[in-house]
Amino acid sequence: MGHEGCMNSVKYGSNELVNIILSGSNDKSVRLWDIRSDQQIQVFNGHTGAVSCVDYSPFVIKNNSEAVGGNSNVICSGSIDNTIRFWDVRSNKNELYMVKGEGDDGIICFKFLQLRKNEKKRKSNDILLVV
């Protein structure tokens, strides 16, 4: 049990996902691992090309499907298939959302950046995904 190709990206969890490793591979899958038990927890399939980057999203999905900031239960993966996919770790492999990139170069890396808004206009912060 495990990846059938080389791993291209690995991220260590934080908050409630501490002791959890997220990995993406040439086998087109994204996987969660528990480092305490040395066991694979979940497999996320849907990419049609090698997964080049993975990360824990800063979003939390509540029961009413509203996305808010906080301790994440969402992971994100980017692939040579030119898509970025968001997955809910609680829903056992369900893909939440997919973003298709422009061009044909594929997604090599991405980063979440927190943007601060003008306090007079709004009191919340936005999060920007940079590819």
C-alpha atoms as a PDB file:
ATOM      1  CA  MET A   1       0.000   0.000   0.000  1.00  0.00           C
ATOM      2  CA  GLY A   2       1.415   3.374  -1.010  1.00  0.00           C
ATOM      3  CA  HIS A   3       2.430   5.427  -4.014  1.00  0.00           C
ATOM      4  CA  GLU A   4       3.251   3.545  -7.195  1.00  0.00           C
ATOM      5  CA  GLY A   5       5.505   6.317  -8.494  1.00  0.00           C
ATOM      6  CA  CYS A   6       8.017   8.730  -7.042  1.00  0.00           C
ATOM      7  CA  MET A   7       6.719  11.390  -4.661  1.00  0.00           C
ATOM      8  CA  ASN A   8       7.043  14.967  -5.893  1.00  0.00           C
ATOM      9  CA  SER A   9       5.733  16.843  -2.870  1.00  0.00           C
ATOM     10  CA  VAL A  10       5.385  16.193   0.867  1.00  0.00           C
ATOM     11  CA  LYS A  11       3.917  18.438   3.599  1.00  0.00           C
ATOM     12  CA  TYR A  12       3.810  17.905   7.347  1.00  0.00           C
ATOM     13  CA  GLY A  13       0.513  18.770   9.044  1.00  0.00           C
ATOM     14  CA  SER A  14      -0.200  21.265  11.796  1.00  0.00           C
ATOM     15  CA  ASN A  15      -3.010  22.027  14.266  1.00  0.00           C
ATOM     16  CA  GLU A  16      -5.390  19.049  14.420  1.00  0.00           C
ATOM     17  CA  LEU A  17      -3.542  17.423  11.510  1.00  0.00           C
ATOM     18  CA  VAL A  18      -0.300  17.192  13.479  1.00  0.00           C
ATOM     19  CA  ASN A  19       1.500  13.872  12.874  1.00  0.00           C
ATOM     20  CA  ILE A  20      -0.131  13.689   9.442  1.00  0.00           C
ATOM     21  CA  ILE A  21       1.879  13.829   6.227  1.00  0.00           C
ATOM     22  CA  LEU A  22       0.362  14.812   2.887  1.00  0.00           C
ATOM     23  CA  SER A  23       2.036  13.531  -0.289  1.00  0.00           C
ATOM     24  CA  GLY A  24       1.608  13.843  -4.061  1.00  0.00           C
ATOM     25  CA  SER A  25       3.120  11.511  -6.641  1.00  0.00           C
ATOM     26  CA  ASN A  26       3.719  10.646 -10.275  1.00  0.00           C
ATOM     27  CA  ASP A  27       1.005   7.984  -9.839  1.00  0.00           C
ATOM     28  CA  LYS A  28      -1.565  10.868 -10.013  1.00  0.00           C
ATOM     29  CA  SER A  29      -2.696  10.397  -6.405  1.00  0.00           C
ATOM     30  CA  VAL A  30      -2.654  12.465  -3.228  1.00  0.00           C
ATOM     31  CA  ARG A  31      -2.320  10.573   0.053  1.00  0.00           C
ATOM     32  CA  LEU A  32      -2.551  11.233   3.781  1.00  0.00           C
ATOM     33  CA  TRP A  33      -0.298   9.282   6.160  1.00  0.00           C
ATOM     34  CA  ASP A  34      -0.310   8.909   9.954  1.00  0.00           C
ATOM     35  CA  ILE A  35       3.337   8.993  11.038  1.00  0.00           C
ATOM     36  CA  ARG A  36       2.549   7.537  14.480  1.00  0.00           C
ATOM     37  CA  SER A  37       1.067   4.325  13.098  1.00  0.00           C
ATOM     38  CA  ASP A  38       3.083   4.377   9.861  1.00  0.00           C
ATOM     39  CA  GLN A  39      -0.196   3.829   7.979  1.00  0.00           C
ATOM     40  CA  GLN A  40      -1.866   5.416   4.982  1.00  0.00           C
ATOM     41  CA  ILE A  41      -5.111   7.145   6.016  1.00  0.00           C
ATOM     42  CA  GLN A  42      -6.713   8.241   2.733  1.00  0.00           C
ATOM     43  CA  VAL A  43      -6.121   8.309  -1.016  1.00  0.00           C
ATOM     44  CA  PHE A  44      -7.477  11.123  -3.193  1.00  0.00           C
ATOM     45  CA  ASN A  45      -7.786  10.334  -6.910  1.00  0.00           C
ATOM     46  CA  GLY A  46      -8.907  12.594  -9.718  1.00  0.00           C
ATOM     47  CA  HIS A  47      -5.815  14.077 -11.334  1.00  0.00           C
ATOM     48  CA  THR A  48      -5.006  12.846 -14.830  1.00  0.00           C
ATOM     49  CA  GLY A  49      -1.311  13.756 -14.577  1.00  0.00           C
ATOM     50  CA  ALA A  50       1.475  13.583 -12.021  1.00  0.00           C
ATOM     51  CA  VAL A  51       0.807  15.530  -8.811  1.00  0.00           C
ATOM     52  CA  SER A  52       3.597  18.101  -8.487  1.00  0.00           C
ATOM     53  CA  CYS A  53       2.584  20.014  -5.326  1.00  0.00           C
ATOM     54  CA  VAL A  54       0.427  19.538  -2.233  1.00  0.00           C
ATOM     55  CA  ASP A  55      -0.454  21.734   0.717  1.00  0.00           C
ATOM     56  CA  TYR A  56      -2.902  22.177   3.545  1.00  0.00           C
ATOM     57  CA  SER A  57      -5.426  24.819   2.538  1.00  0.00           C
ATOM     58  CA  PRO A  58      -6.134  27.661   4.978  1.00  0.00           C
ATOM     59  CA  PHE A  59      -9.865  27.027   4.450  1.00  0.00           C
ATOM     60  CA  VAL A  60     -12.247  25.149   6.723  1.00  0.00           C
ATOM     61  CA  ILE A  61     -15.458  23.740   5.294  1.00  0.00           C
ATOM     62  CA  LYS A  62     -18.415  23.906   7.661  1.00  0.00           C
ATOM     63  CA  ASN A  63     -21.425  21.616   7.384  1.00  0.00           C
ATOM     64  CA  ASN A  64     -23.306  24.141   5.238  1.00  0.00           C
ATOM     65  CA  SER A  65     -20.388  24.126   2.731  1.00  0.00           C
ATOM     66  CA  GLU A  66     -19.368  27.668   3.655  1.00  0.00           C
ATOM     67  CA  ALA A  67     -15.587  28.153   3.423  1.00  0.00           C
ATOM     68  CA  VAL A  68     -13.981  30.080   6.256  1.00  0.00           C
ATOM     69  CA  GLY A  69     -10.482  30.506   7.658  1.00  0.00           C
ATOM     70  CA  GLY A  70      -9.228  28.584  10.670  1.00  0.00           C
ATOM     71  CA  ASN A  71      -7.863  25.128  11.357  1.00  0.00           C
ATOM     72  CA  SER A  72      -7.938  23.480   7.965  1.00  0.00           C
ATOM     73  CA  ASN A  73      -9.779  20.325   7.012  1.00  0.00           C
ATOM     74  CA  VAL A  74      -9.067  20.954   3.341  1.00  0.00           C
ATOM     75  CA  ILE A  75      -6.026  19.877   1.347  1.00  0.00           C
ATOM     76  CA  CYS A  76      -4.976  21.165  -2.043  1.00  0.00           C
ATOM     77  CA  SER A  77      -3.049  19.552  -4.898  1.00  0.00           C
ATOM     78  CA  GLY A  78      -1.581  20.828  -8.152  1.00  0.00           C
ATOM     79  CA  SER A  79      -0.793  18.656 -11.145  1.00  0.00           C
ATOM     80  CA  ILE A  80       0.831  18.498 -14.537  1.00  0.00           C
ATOM     81  CA  ASP A  81      -2.760  18.038 -15.792  1.00  0.00           C
ATOM     82  CA  ASN A  82      -3.043  21.829 -15.271  1.00  0.00           C
ATOM     83  CA  THR A  83      -5.539  21.629 -12.407  1.00  0.00           C
ATOM     84  CA  ILE A  84      -5.562  22.584  -8.745  1.00  0.00           C
ATOM     85  CA  ARG A  85      -7.945  20.447  -6.717  1.00  0.00           C
ATOM     86  CA  PHE A  86      -9.325  21.004  -3.226  1.00  0.00           C
ATOM     87  CA  TRP A  87     -10.247  17.968  -1.107  1.00  0.00           C
ATOM     88  CA  ASP A  88     -12.162  17.665   2.176  1.00  0.00           C
ATOM     89  CA  VAL A  89     -10.193  15.296   4.438  1.00  0.00           C
ATOM     90  CA  ARG A  90     -13.310  14.543   6.525  1.00  0.00           C
ATOM     91  CA  SER A  91     -15.517  13.419   3.652  1.00  0.00           C
ATOM     92  CA  ASN A  92     -13.393  10.438   2.649  1.00  0.00           C
ATOM     93  CA  LYS A  93     -11.914  11.475  -0.684  1.00  0.00           C
ATOM     94  CA  ASN A  94     -14.529  13.943  -1.941  1.00  0.00           C
ATOM     95  CA  GLU A  95     -13.240  16.626  -4.269  1.00  0.00           C
ATOM     96  CA  LEU A  96     -14.619  20.014  -3.250  1.00  0.00           C
ATOM     97  CA  TYR A  97     -13.490  22.189  -6.107  1.00  0.00           C
ATOM     98  CA  MET A  98     -11.230  22.188  -9.153  1.00  0.00           C
ATOM     99  CA  VAL A  99      -9.463  25.138 -10.777  1.00  0.00           C
ATOM    100  CA  LYS A 100      -8.231  24.741 -14.361  1.00  0.00           C
ATOM    101  CA  GLY A 101      -5.086  26.666 -15.242  1.00  0.00           C
ATOM    102  CA  GLU A 102      -4.514  28.580 -18.440  1.00  0.00           C
ATOM    103  CA  GLY A 103      -2.123  27.230 -21.040  1.00  0.00           C
ATOM    104  CA  ASP A 104      -0.687  23.727 -21.170  1.00  0.00           C
ATOM    105  CA  ASP A 105       2.334  23.926 -18.869  1.00  0.00           C
ATOM    106  CA  GLY A 106       0.709  22.291 -15.860  1.00  0.00           C
ATOM    107  CA  ILE A 107       0.791  23.416 -12.248  1.00  0.00           C
ATOM    108  CA  ILE A 108       4.294  23.115 -10.827  1.00  0.00           C
ATOM    109  CA  CYS A 109       3.809  24.952  -7.522  1.00  0.00           C
ATOM    110  CA  PHE A 110       1.408  27.225  -5.649  1.00  0.00           C
ATOM    111  CA  LYS A 111       1.302  29.193  -2.410  1.00  0.00           C
ATOM    112  CA  PHE A 112      -1.464  30.620  -0.242  1.00  0.00           C
ATOM    113  CA  LEU A 113      -0.995  34.262   0.750  1.00  0.00           C
ATOM    114  CA  GLN A 114      -3.087  36.106   3.320  1.00  0.00           C
ATOM    115  CA  LEU A 115      -4.239  39.537   2.174  1.00  0.00           C
ATOM    116  CA  ARG A 116      -5.196  42.170   4.693  1.00  0.00           C
ATOM    117  CA  LYS A 117      -8.123  44.372   3.826  1.00  0.00           C
ATOM    118  CA  ASN A 118      -8.633  47.960   4.774  1.00  0.00           C
ATOM    119  CA  GLU A 119     -10.073  47.862   8.313  1.00  0.00           C
ATOM    120  CA  LYS A 120     -12.583  50.622   7.480  1.00  0.00           C
ATOM    121  CA  LYS A 121     -14.070  48.631   4.589  1.00  0.00           C
ATOM    122  CA  ARG A 122     -14.132  45.088   6.008  1.00  0.00           C
ATOM    123  CA  LYS A 123     -12.921  43.308   9.087  1.00  0.00           C
ATOM    124  CA  SER A 124     -12.103  39.956   7.466  1.00  0.00           C
ATOM    125  CA  ASN A 125      -9.008  38.807   5.593  1.00  0.00           C
ATOM    126  CA  ASP A 126      -8.908  37.254   2.123  1.00  0.00           C
ATOM    127  CA  ILE A 127      -6.638  34.447   1.084  1.00  0.00           C
ATOM    128  CA  LEU A 128      -4.990  34.469  -2.328  1.00  0.00           C
ATOM    129  CA  LEU A 129      -3.754  31.374  -4.153  1.00  0.00           C
ATOM    130  CA  VAL A 130      -0.648  32.205  -6.184  1.00  0.00           C
ATOM    131  CA  VAL A 131       0.346  29.799  -8.950  1.00  0.00           C
END
